[in-house]
Each structure stands twice: as structure tokens, then as C-alpha cells.
Amino acid sequence: MPFELDLDLPRELAPLAWLIGRWEGAGVLGYPTIESANFGQEIECFHDGRPFLEWHSHTWLLDDAGEKVKPLATELGFWRPLPDGEVEFLLAHPMGIVEMYYGKTETAKVQLQTDGVLRSPHAKEYSAATRMYGYVNSNLLWVMEMAAVGQSMHSHVSAELKRVG
């Protein structure tokens, strides 16, 4: 599905406009403390006329045939563009973690690192992460590294999604 610019888009959102839409795809997850696996993902990214984007992401474990096995992660959040190509990405997770990422936008690319991580007393230990999102050949590609459960920064997930709406 081709990317079409929303004529009602607040000008502040222009550097992030390529994120807007409904995306579906798959990726690979792994970490030193978990076995590698394939996952599916759906993302909805939209605006309501104000100068921020709303973000909903759901992932699930896939079996060898590519069928859904069980839910994995859910993220709810907001992209907040700032002057001079800077951006904040605020995320809440139902497992008791809230992240604030800070980074820079480039043409069809965003690089971020956590500026803060807040977790409940019952959440897993998690201290930092980096993410990169890119718009490549009309697809959304992203990667994440994280430092958690006593491990230093390691690759954790990567995915490729197609715009479906």
C-alpha cells in the first residue's frame, strides 16, 4: 500500500509522517537469556490533529508454520516531535515498564535511546534500550537492543512490516 500524505497533518509531524498507518509483519527475537524465535506484529500509528502520534503495537509468538501461538508484548505510546529533528517516544507496557526514548529523525529514519526507564517493583529488571525505525522500500523496518536481567546491551528484536492501512 503506497504512502499518502494526510492533508490535515500538523506540520510538526512531517518528519514522522511515514510512520502513520496500520502495519503488519514479522520478525525475530532473541537475547542471551531467551531462545530465539519468530514473532508477528501489528502496529497502528495515527494522529488526531494534535502535534503527536499515537502508537499501538501488539506482538505474538509464531510457530514454524507462521501461525500465532500466544501473545508476547504490547506497547502503547506517543511520538512527540521536537524542534531541530529531535523526537521523544514514550511507551507504556502492561508488564510494569514505562520507557522514554529520545533521539533524532532523518529522512525516513529515527534513531532513539532510552532517556529514562521506570519499572514497578514486580517488573523484570530492565535498564536501557536503543531502537531504530526506518522506511525502506515502502516497508517499516525496526531493530532494538536492550540491557536487562543482568545483561549488557544486546540485540533483542528486529522486524519488517508492510503497510496494510
C-alpha atoms as a PDB file:
ATOM      1  CA  MET A   1       0.000   0.000   0.000  1.00  0.00           C
ATOM      2  CA  PRO A   2       1.562   3.337  -1.030  1.00  0.00           C
ATOM      3  CA  PHE A   3       2.212   6.125   1.418  1.00  0.00           C
ATOM      4  CA  GLU A   4      -0.098   9.131   1.042  1.00  0.00           C
ATOM      5  CA  LEU A   5       0.446  12.345   2.972  1.00  0.00           C
ATOM      6  CA  ASP A   6      -2.513  13.341   5.154  1.00  0.00           C
ATOM      7  CA  LEU A   7      -3.543  16.874   4.183  1.00  0.00           C
ATOM      8  CA  ASP A   8      -4.690  17.549   7.792  1.00  0.00           C
ATOM      9  CA  LEU A   9      -1.295  16.581   9.216  1.00  0.00           C
ATOM     10  CA  PRO A  10       0.107  19.142  11.654  1.00  0.00           C
ATOM     11  CA  ARG A  11       3.377  20.451  10.183  1.00  0.00           C
ATOM     12  CA  GLU A  12       5.312  19.306  13.283  1.00  0.00           C
ATOM     13  CA  LEU A  13       4.544  15.694  12.329  1.00  0.00           C
ATOM     14  CA  ALA A  14       6.025  15.924   8.821  1.00  0.00           C
ATOM     15  CA  PRO A  15       9.342  14.187   9.770  1.00  0.00           C
ATOM     16  CA  LEU A  16       7.342  11.239  11.184  1.00  0.00           C
ATOM     17  CA  ALA A  17       4.534  11.136   8.600  1.00  0.00           C
ATOM     18  CA  TRP A  18       5.859   7.899   7.059  1.00  0.00           C
ATOM     19  CA  LEU A  19       5.064   6.075  10.347  1.00  0.00           C
ATOM     20  CA  ILE A  20       1.333   6.812  10.095  1.00  0.00           C
ATOM     21  CA  GLY A  21      -0.825   3.846   9.182  1.00  0.00           C
ATOM     22  CA  ARG A  22      -1.564   0.245  10.051  1.00  0.00           C
ATOM     23  CA  TRP A  23       1.353  -2.157   9.689  1.00  0.00           C
ATOM     24  CA  GLU A  24       1.636  -5.969   9.804  1.00  0.00           C
ATOM     25  CA  GLY A  25       4.684  -8.170   9.587  1.00  0.00           C
ATOM     26  CA  ALA A  26       7.072 -10.495  11.334  1.00  0.00           C
ATOM     27  CA  GLY A  27      10.469 -10.540  12.919  1.00  0.00           C
ATOM     28  CA  VAL A  28      12.966 -12.396  15.065  1.00  0.00           C
ATOM     29  CA  LEU A  29      13.551 -12.041  18.789  1.00  0.00           C
ATOM     30  CA  GLY A  30      16.343 -13.304  20.972  1.00  0.00           C
ATOM     31  CA  TYR A  31      18.512 -12.405  23.931  1.00  0.00           C
ATOM     32  CA  PRO A  32      21.255 -14.146  25.906  1.00  0.00           C
ATOM     33  CA  THR A  33      18.633 -15.274  28.435  1.00  0.00           C
ATOM     34  CA  ILE A  34      15.959 -16.456  25.953  1.00  0.00           C
ATOM     35  CA  GLU A  35      15.822 -18.751  22.948  1.00  0.00           C
ATOM     36  CA  SER A  36      15.486 -17.113  19.521  1.00  0.00           C
ATOM     37  CA  ALA A  37      12.004 -17.216  17.999  1.00  0.00           C
ATOM     38  CA  ASN A  38       9.873 -15.713  15.262  1.00  0.00           C
ATOM     39  CA  PHE A  39       7.115 -13.256  16.122  1.00  0.00           C
ATOM     40  CA  GLY A  40       4.286 -11.474  14.337  1.00  0.00           C
ATOM     41  CA  GLN A  41       3.460  -7.815  14.869  1.00  0.00           C
ATOM     42  CA  GLU A  42       0.666  -5.353  14.216  1.00  0.00           C
ATOM     43  CA  ILE A  43       1.204  -1.608  14.679  1.00  0.00           C
ATOM     44  CA  GLU A  44      -1.258   1.251  14.419  1.00  0.00           C
ATOM     45  CA  CYS A  45       0.186   4.745  14.317  1.00  0.00           C
ATOM     46  CA  PHE A  46      -2.149   7.712  13.932  1.00  0.00           C
ATOM     47  CA  HIS A  47      -2.850  11.322  14.866  1.00  0.00           C
ATOM     48  CA  ASP A  48      -5.966  13.213  15.916  1.00  0.00           C
ATOM     49  CA  GLY A  49      -4.922  16.607  14.592  1.00  0.00           C
ATOM     50  CA  ARG A  50      -2.662  17.485  17.509  1.00  0.00           C
ATOM     51  CA  PRO A  51       1.160  17.507  17.034  1.00  0.00           C
ATOM     52  CA  PHE A  52       1.905  13.984  18.278  1.00  0.00           C
ATOM     53  CA  LEU A  53       1.395  10.437  17.007  1.00  0.00           C
ATOM     54  CA  GLU A  54      -0.360   7.703  18.962  1.00  0.00           C
ATOM     55  CA  TRP A  55       1.259   4.224  18.820  1.00  0.00           C
ATOM     56  CA  HIS A  56      -0.305   0.806  19.476  1.00  0.00           C
ATOM     57  CA  SER A  57       1.830  -2.311  18.961  1.00  0.00           C
ATOM     58  CA  HIS A  58       0.925  -5.948  19.584  1.00  0.00           C
ATOM     59  CA  THR A  59       3.204  -8.942  19.053  1.00  0.00           C
ATOM     60  CA  TRP A  60       2.701 -12.683  19.311  1.00  0.00           C
ATOM     61  CA  LEU A  61       4.871 -15.788  19.112  1.00  0.00           C
ATOM     62  CA  LEU A  62       4.744 -17.635  15.784  1.00  0.00           C
ATOM     63  CA  ASP A  63       5.191 -21.378  15.303  1.00  0.00           C
ATOM     64  CA  ASP A  64       7.281 -22.897  12.497  1.00  0.00           C
ATOM     65  CA  ALA A  65       4.278 -22.649  10.138  1.00  0.00           C
ATOM     66  CA  GLY A  66       3.890 -18.915  10.881  1.00  0.00           C
ATOM     67  CA  GLU A  67       0.719 -19.384  12.935  1.00  0.00           C
ATOM     68  CA  LYS A  68       0.002 -17.381  16.107  1.00  0.00           C
ATOM     69  CA  VAL A  69       0.885 -19.316  19.278  1.00  0.00           C
ATOM     70  CA  LYS A  70       0.485 -16.797  22.115  1.00  0.00           C
ATOM     71  CA  PRO A  71       0.605 -13.045  22.796  1.00  0.00           C
ATOM     72  CA  LEU A  72       4.012 -11.543  23.579  1.00  0.00           C
ATOM     73  CA  ALA A  73       4.424  -7.776  24.029  1.00  0.00           C
ATOM     74  CA  THR A  74       2.007  -4.866  23.924  1.00  0.00           C
ATOM     75  CA  GLU A  75       3.134  -1.239  23.690  1.00  0.00           C
ATOM     76  CA  LEU A  76       1.036   1.896  23.933  1.00  0.00           C
ATOM     77  CA  GLY A  77       2.654   5.250  23.458  1.00  0.00           C
ATOM     78  CA  PHE A  78       3.257   8.562  21.779  1.00  0.00           C
ATOM     79  CA  TRP A  79       5.763  10.042  19.338  1.00  0.00           C
ATOM     80  CA  ARG A  80       6.489  13.693  20.173  1.00  0.00           C
ATOM     81  CA  PRO A  81       8.413  15.615  17.504  1.00  0.00           C
ATOM     82  CA  LEU A  82      10.604  18.434  18.793  1.00  0.00           C
ATOM     83  CA  PRO A  83      12.476  21.262  17.045  1.00  0.00           C
ATOM     84  CA  ASP A  84      15.663  20.594  15.057  1.00  0.00           C
ATOM     85  CA  GLY A  85      14.804  16.985  14.143  1.00  0.00           C
ATOM     86  CA  GLU A  86      14.674  15.771  17.734  1.00  0.00           C
ATOM     87  CA  VAL A  87      11.952  13.372  18.868  1.00  0.00           C
ATOM     88  CA  GLU A  88      10.657  11.682  22.023  1.00  0.00           C
ATOM     89  CA  PHE A  89       8.979   8.274  22.015  1.00  0.00           C
ATOM     90  CA  LEU A  90       7.048   7.465  25.199  1.00  0.00           C
ATOM     91  CA  LEU A  91       5.973   3.837  25.749  1.00  0.00           C
ATOM     92  CA  ALA A  92       3.988   2.004  28.424  1.00  0.00           C
ATOM     93  CA  HIS A  93       3.989  -1.794  28.756  1.00  0.00           C
ATOM     94  CA  PRO A  94       1.422  -3.862  30.705  1.00  0.00           C
ATOM     95  CA  MET A  95       4.222  -5.754  32.481  1.00  0.00           C
ATOM     96  CA  GLY A  96       5.010  -2.688  34.631  1.00  0.00           C
ATOM     97  CA  ILE A  97       7.549  -0.805  32.493  1.00  0.00           C
ATOM     98  CA  VAL A  98       7.432   2.749  31.132  1.00  0.00           C
ATOM     99  CA  GLU A  99      10.139   3.965  28.750  1.00  0.00           C
ATOM    100  CA  MET A 100      11.067   7.408  27.474  1.00  0.00           C
ATOM    101  CA  TYR A 101      13.216   7.375  24.350  1.00  0.00           C
ATOM    102  CA  TYR A 102      14.975  10.403  22.918  1.00  0.00           C
ATOM    103  CA  GLY A 103      16.557  10.689  19.502  1.00  0.00           C
ATOM    104  CA  LYS A 104      16.863  12.246  16.088  1.00  0.00           C
ATOM    105  CA  THR A 105      14.861  11.992  12.894  1.00  0.00           C
ATOM    106  CA  GLU A 106      16.463  11.853   9.477  1.00  0.00           C
ATOM    107  CA  THR A 107      14.783  11.300   6.135  1.00  0.00           C
ATOM    108  CA  ALA A 108      12.627   8.177   6.700  1.00  0.00           C
ATOM    109  CA  LYS A 109      14.704   7.111   9.733  1.00  0.00           C
ATOM    110  CA  VAL A 110      14.558   7.561  13.513  1.00  0.00           C
ATOM    111  CA  GLN A 111      17.326   6.581  15.945  1.00  0.00           C
ATOM    112  CA  LEU A 112      16.469   6.509  19.645  1.00  0.00           C
ATOM    113  CA  GLN A 113      17.907   5.594  23.018  1.00  0.00           C
ATOM    114  CA  THR A 114      16.221   5.449  26.385  1.00  0.00           C
ATOM    115  CA  ASP A 115      16.473   8.623  28.405  1.00  0.00           C
ATOM    116  CA  GLY A 116      14.572   7.013  31.252  1.00  0.00           C
ATOM    117  CA  VAL A 117      13.099   3.663  32.274  1.00  0.00           C
ATOM    118  CA  LEU A 118      10.591   3.344  35.089  1.00  0.00           C
ATOM    119  CA  ARG A 119       9.516  -0.081  36.305  1.00  0.00           C
ATOM    120  CA  SER A 120       7.221  -1.368  39.008  1.00  0.00           C
ATOM    121  CA  PRO A 121       8.723  -3.349  41.890  1.00  0.00           C
ATOM    122  CA  HIS A 122       7.354  -6.527  40.270  1.00  0.00           C
ATOM    123  CA  ALA A 123       8.633  -5.929  36.724  1.00  0.00           C
ATOM    124  CA  LYS A 124      11.716  -7.676  35.343  1.00  0.00           C
ATOM    125  CA  GLU A 125      14.979  -5.799  35.671  1.00  0.00           C
ATOM    126  CA  TYR A 126      15.398  -3.599  32.603  1.00  0.00           C
ATOM    127  CA  SER A 127      17.705  -0.600  32.405  1.00  0.00           C
ATOM    128  CA  ALA A 128      18.232   0.708  28.859  1.00  0.00           C
ATOM    129  CA  ALA A 129      17.499   0.242  25.167  1.00  0.00           C
ATOM    130  CA  THR A 130      18.096   1.626  21.705  1.00  0.00           C
ATOM    131  CA  ARG A 131      15.723   1.479  18.750  1.00  0.00           C
ATOM    132  CA  MET A 132      15.979   2.356  15.098  1.00  0.00           C
ATOM    133  CA  TYR A 133      12.985   2.674  12.773  1.00  0.00           C
ATOM    134  CA  GLY A 134      13.287   3.115   9.025  1.00  0.00           C
ATOM    135  CA  TYR A 135      11.075   3.366   5.965  1.00  0.00           C
ATOM    136  CA  VAL A 136      12.750   1.184   3.323  1.00  0.00           C
ATOM    137  CA  ASN A 137      11.152   0.150   0.007  1.00  0.00           C
ATOM    138  CA  SER A 138       7.710   1.113   1.400  1.00  0.00           C
ATOM    139  CA  ASN A 139       8.174  -1.159   4.460  1.00  0.00           C
ATOM    140  CA  LEU A 140       8.696  -0.324   8.132  1.00  0.00           C
ATOM    141  CA  LEU A 141      11.892  -1.899   9.442  1.00  0.00           C
ATOM    142  CA  TRP A 142      12.956  -1.684  13.059  1.00  0.00           C
ATOM    143  CA  VAL A 143      15.561  -3.075  15.438  1.00  0.00           C
ATOM    144  CA  MET A 144      16.010  -2.935  19.207  1.00  0.00           C
ATOM    145  CA  GLU A 145      18.890  -3.585  21.559  1.00  0.00           C
ATOM    146  CA  MET A 146      18.395  -3.717  25.318  1.00  0.00           C
ATOM    147  CA  ALA A 147      20.156  -4.102  28.648  1.00  0.00           C
ATOM    148  CA  ALA A 148      18.085  -6.205  31.062  1.00  0.00           C
ATOM    149  CA  VAL A 149      18.133  -9.051  33.601  1.00  0.00           C
ATOM    150  CA  GLY A 150      21.818  -8.564  34.393  1.00  0.00           C
ATOM    151  CA  GLN A 151      22.934  -8.442  30.743  1.00  0.00           C
ATOM    152  CA  SER A 152      24.706  -5.598  28.970  1.00  0.00           C
ATOM    153  CA  MET A 153      23.262  -4.095  25.764  1.00  0.00           C
ATOM    154  CA  HIS A 154      22.461  -6.913  23.273  1.00  0.00           C
ATOM    155  CA  SER A 155      20.336  -7.271  20.157  1.00  0.00           C
ATOM    156  CA  HIS A 156      16.788  -8.197  21.135  1.00  0.00           C
ATOM    157  CA  VAL A 157      14.333  -7.831  18.215  1.00  0.00           C
ATOM    158  CA  SER A 158      14.158  -6.917  14.547  1.00  0.00           C
ATOM    159  CA  ALA A 159      11.143  -6.869  12.244  1.00  0.00           C
ATOM    160  CA  GLU A 160       9.852  -5.875   8.827  1.00  0.00           C
ATOM    161  CA  LEU A 161       6.242  -4.757   8.424  1.00  0.00           C
ATOM    162  CA  LYS A 162       4.102  -3.847   5.425  1.00  0.00           C
ATOM    163  CA  ARG A 163       1.583  -1.018   5.411  1.00  0.00           C
ATOM    164  CA  VAL A 164      -1.932  -2.522   5.302  1.00  0.00           C
ATOM    165  CA  GLY A 165      -3.989   0.557   6.027  1.00  0.00           C
END
